[in-house]
Amino acid sequence: MATIEGTFEKASSFKIAIVVARFNDLITTKLLSGCLDCLSRHGINISESSNQLDVAWVPGAFELPIISQELARKANYDVVITLGAVIRGDTPHFDVVVSEASKGIATVSRETGLPIIFGVLTTDTMQQALERAGIKNNLGWSYALQALEMASLMKALD
């Protein structure tokens, strides 16, 4: 029986894209900060002149799939991380945005064969979002770890 797993040993060689939703940027900038911290600690060059990392900003979570798709098709990334925050309001808009963002991101990943990490917080309140973006822990860090593991796993399958 073969056991195939991703590791973090060669993480410093990966090329990564991060797509960040500007809507709820109080939250998404914190997620991005946690994500960048994790990547940096695993050897990814996160400087402005880096050729290992690109960050693209989109208006909201609904737009994450289309830009992820373009990046997956046009560049040689090992993994794409999507970051967003959708907070429930008084209308069904929350359900539409979450559904379309998640389905779209999953579809892009399957169609391109590129791992795309779903880093979109879906919370009932701003307080819950803040807790997940740094007050209690920063899930941006976890999304980066998932990205490194998936990029490694995909390389192990080659």
Protein backbone atom coordinates (compact mmCIF):
# COMPACT_ATOMS: atom_id res chain seq x y z
CA MET A 1 0.00 0.00 0.00
CA ALA A 2 1.36 3.41 -0.95
CA THR A 3 0.78 6.36 1.34
CA ILE A 4 0.94 9.68 -0.47
CA GLU A 5 1.02 12.85 1.60
CA GLY A 6 2.00 16.44 1.20
CA THR A 7 4.89 17.77 3.25
CA PHE A 8 6.32 21.19 3.98
CA GLU A 9 9.95 20.33 3.14
CA LYS A 10 10.13 21.93 -0.31
CA ALA A 11 7.58 24.68 0.27
CA SER A 12 10.13 27.38 -0.54
CA SER A 13 10.09 26.33 -4.21
CA PHE A 14 6.35 26.86 -4.80
CA LYS A 15 4.76 29.60 -6.85
CA ILE A 16 1.57 30.81 -5.20
CA ALA A 17 -1.26 33.19 -6.05
CA ILE A 18 -3.59 34.68 -3.48
CA VAL A 19 -6.92 36.17 -4.57
CA VAL A 20 -8.40 38.47 -1.93
CA ALA A 21 -11.91 39.92 -1.79
CA ARG A 22 -11.91 43.62 -0.96
CA PHE A 23 -15.45 43.49 0.51
CA ASN A 24 -15.15 43.16 4.29
CA ASP A 25 -11.50 44.16 3.99
CA LEU A 26 -11.29 44.64 7.75
CA ILE A 27 -11.41 40.85 7.82
CA THR A 28 -9.71 39.90 4.55
CA THR A 29 -6.62 42.03 5.18
CA LYS A 30 -6.16 40.20 8.49
CA LEU A 31 -6.57 36.85 6.73
CA LEU A 32 -4.01 37.94 4.14
CA SER A 33 -1.59 38.97 6.89
CA GLY A 34 -1.87 35.56 8.56
CA CYS A 35 -1.47 33.84 5.22
CA LEU A 36 1.65 35.84 4.33
CA ASP A 37 3.16 35.21 7.76
CA CYS A 38 2.77 31.46 7.34
CA LEU A 39 4.15 31.47 3.80
CA SER A 40 7.13 33.55 4.85
CA ARG A 41 7.92 31.23 7.75
CA HIS A 42 7.91 28.32 5.28
CA GLY A 43 10.44 29.95 2.97
CA ILE A 44 8.24 31.75 0.43
CA ASN A 45 9.58 35.13 -0.62
CA ILE A 46 6.73 37.56 0.08
CA SER A 47 8.55 40.77 -0.83
CA GLU A 48 7.22 43.19 -3.45
CA SER A 49 9.86 41.93 -5.90
CA SER A 50 9.02 38.25 -5.35
CA ASN A 51 8.49 36.02 -8.36
CA GLN A 52 7.06 33.33 -6.07
CA LEU A 53 3.94 35.13 -4.94
CA ASP A 54 1.25 37.22 -6.58
CA VAL A 55 -1.71 38.83 -4.82
CA ALA A 56 -4.80 39.84 -6.80
CA TRP A 57 -7.63 41.88 -5.30
CA VAL A 58 -11.24 41.44 -6.42
CA PRO A 59 -14.37 43.39 -5.39
CA GLY A 60 -16.00 40.57 -3.40
CA ALA A 61 -16.24 36.84 -2.78
CA PHE A 62 -18.49 36.37 -5.82
CA GLU A 63 -15.58 37.40 -8.08
CA LEU A 64 -13.04 35.00 -6.56
CA PRO A 65 -13.72 32.13 -9.02
CA ILE A 66 -13.25 34.08 -12.27
CA ILE A 67 -9.90 35.57 -11.27
CA SER A 68 -8.75 32.24 -9.81
CA GLN A 69 -9.61 30.67 -13.16
CA GLU A 70 -7.67 33.27 -15.13
CA LEU A 71 -4.63 32.91 -12.87
CA ALA A 72 -4.79 29.12 -13.12
CA ARG A 73 -4.95 29.27 -16.91
CA LYS A 74 -2.40 32.02 -17.57
CA ALA A 75 0.35 31.47 -15.04
CA ASN A 76 2.38 28.59 -13.73
CA TYR A 77 1.19 28.48 -10.13
CA ASP A 78 1.42 25.46 -7.85
CA VAL A 79 -1.61 26.57 -5.84
CA VAL A 80 -4.09 29.43 -5.52
CA ILE A 81 -5.48 30.64 -2.20
CA THR A 82 -8.78 32.50 -2.12
CA LEU A 83 -9.57 34.79 0.81
CA GLY A 84 -12.93 36.35 1.52
CA ALA A 85 -15.47 37.06 4.23
CA VAL A 86 -19.22 36.78 3.78
CA ILE A 87 -21.22 37.82 6.82
CA ARG A 88 -24.91 37.00 7.07
CA GLY A 89 -27.30 39.92 6.81
CA ASP A 90 -31.06 40.29 6.77
CA THR A 91 -31.55 39.11 3.18
CA PRO A 92 -30.82 35.88 1.27
CA HIS A 93 -27.86 37.57 -0.47
CA PHE A 94 -25.49 35.74 1.91
CA ASP A 95 -26.69 32.35 0.70
CA VAL A 96 -26.33 33.29 -2.97
CA VAL A 97 -22.82 34.68 -2.61
CA VAL A 98 -21.55 31.79 -0.47
CA SER A 99 -23.08 29.19 -2.77
CA GLU A 100 -21.75 30.68 -5.98
CA ALA A 101 -18.30 31.43 -4.57
CA SER A 102 -17.86 27.92 -3.20
CA LYS A 103 -19.24 26.16 -6.28
CA GLY A 104 -17.23 28.40 -8.58
CA ILE A 105 -13.95 27.86 -6.76
CA ALA A 106 -14.49 24.08 -6.64
CA THR A 107 -15.32 24.02 -10.35
CA VAL A 108 -12.21 25.99 -11.28
CA SER A 109 -10.04 23.64 -9.25
CA ARG A 110 -11.52 20.54 -10.86
CA GLU A 111 -11.42 21.96 -14.39
CA THR A 112 -7.84 23.25 -14.20
CA GLY A 113 -6.38 20.50 -12.01
CA LEU A 114 -4.86 23.19 -9.79
CA PRO A 115 -5.48 23.13 -6.06
CA ILE A 116 -7.45 26.18 -5.02
CA ILE A 117 -7.85 26.72 -1.30
CA PHE A 118 -11.29 27.90 -0.18
CA GLY A 119 -10.39 30.56 2.39
CA VAL A 120 -13.75 32.27 2.54
CA LEU A 121 -15.12 32.86 6.00
CA THR A 122 -18.89 32.43 6.20
CA THR A 123 -20.14 33.76 9.51
CA ASP A 124 -23.34 34.99 11.09
CA THR A 125 -21.75 38.04 12.71
CA MET A 126 -18.82 40.41 12.34
CA GLN A 127 -17.61 39.26 15.77
CA GLN A 128 -17.36 35.67 14.52
CA ALA A 129 -15.42 36.84 11.47
CA LEU A 130 -13.04 38.89 13.62
CA GLU A 131 -12.43 35.90 15.88
CA ARG A 132 -11.48 33.77 12.87
CA ALA A 133 -9.27 36.49 11.40
CA GLY A 134 -7.08 37.12 14.40
CA ILE A 135 -8.79 37.76 17.73
CA LYS A 136 -8.73 34.07 18.70
CA ASN A 137 -6.73 32.66 15.79
CA ASN A 138 -6.05 33.63 12.21
CA LEU A 139 -7.40 31.17 9.70
CA GLY A 140 -5.27 32.84 7.04
CA TRP A 141 -2.37 30.86 8.53
CA SER A 142 -4.34 27.61 8.17
CA TYR A 143 -5.28 28.39 4.57
CA ALA A 144 -1.60 28.91 3.75
CA LEU A 145 -0.69 25.60 5.37
CA GLN A 146 -3.40 23.87 3.36
CA ALA A 147 -1.99 25.46 0.21
CA LEU A 148 1.55 24.27 0.92
CA GLU A 149 0.36 20.77 1.69
CA MET A 150 -1.78 20.55 -1.44
CA ALA A 151 0.98 21.92 -3.69
CA SER A 152 3.35 19.33 -2.24
CA LEU A 153 0.80 16.55 -2.61
CA MET A 154 0.18 17.42 -6.27
CA LYS A 155 3.93 17.30 -6.93
CA ALA A 156 4.15 13.92 -5.16
CA LEU A 157 1.52 12.58 -7.57
CA ASP A 158 3.55 13.61 -10.65
